[in-house]
Amino acid sequence: MMVKVLFVDDETNFLDIIIKRMKKRHIDAFGVSDGNQAIERIHNEKFDVVVLDFKMPGCRSGIEILKEIKVRWPLIEVIMLTGHAMLNTARAGMENGAFDYIVKPADIDELSYKINDAYQKKSLQERKIKGIDDIIKKQV
């Protein structure tokens, strides 16, 4: 199965390039340019991983979007992108449920590795939940 990833970044040139490169790596990649579009897209489609920029224009930060994603869709893994190697920013993301973070400019191989790793974690959690559901159904 192909991993379905939503990239959220206000830099449209970056989005275009990263989506093309991910598709060449057999990752089903899509992009939106702000957090509100991301929430709407996730609400309407199933995604495995979200790659979310920390800093975007508008009234909602990447951390706010991360928190909403983790509350509404806790199994979606989120990788945070930052243009700055700021430990505090990365720490805030991890404390709020991010799977990992990566510093821009993102190394494509490192990013695709982290996406696949995040997908494996999500798949494992889904199998555990299905196993528990199956046990419960057998007991009823």
Foldseek 3Di string as FASTA:
>chain_A
DAAEEEEEAQPVVLQVVLCVLVVVVRHNYDYDHDLVVVVVVVVVDPHQEYEYEQDHDDDDGSLNSLLVCCVVPVLRAYEYEYQDPDPVSQVSSVVSHHPGYAYPVGDSVVVSVSSVVSSVSSVVVVVVVVVVVVVVVVVD
